[in-house]
Amino acid sequence: MNRSFIRIFLLMLLLTASQSSCKSDRKNSVFTDLAKDYVLLLVDNEYTKAENLFGSPMRGKMKKGGLELMWNETVSKFGRFKRMISSREERIDKYTIIYIKCDFEVTKLDIKIIYDNKMKVMDFAFIPGENKVGIGKWIDDLLSFSIS
């Protein structure tokens, strides 16, 4: 009887742990979905809608029209946006960092979006990814457009 109790207890503990793991996965996917939708806003030239998702620190950093300028500069240097390839997620304190790997005509770039716990964009940047061609100095030029 004592062994049965221990087995049942361990089984319940295992089930509880797996359920809490699933909950955090679902919560993480919400941020990933938000980030993918955010990239689509940029692709569709919906800059005002994208800027409306900024948290207050980001609004202070980015001048009106700055997001459109960043996107247009990126497209002019790296070519037309083709598709989203993959995503990954990190958590640091109350922030969730999403990296969306995107394929442009010339190269691949990661779009890094940092969300706070209220699902507001706190930072946004383009990060060089795997390259199709040598990109030299213009990567450095692009990085100057990072908000960080």
Foldseek 3Di string as FASTA:
>chain_A
DVVVVVVVVVVVVVVVVVVVVVVVVVVLVVLVVVVVVLVVCLLVVVVVVNVVLADPQVPVLADVCLSVVLSVLCCVQQNRWDAWDDKDWDDDVQKIWMWTWTDHPFAIWTWIFIAGNVRGTHFIAIHGDGGPDDRPPVNVVSRVSGSD
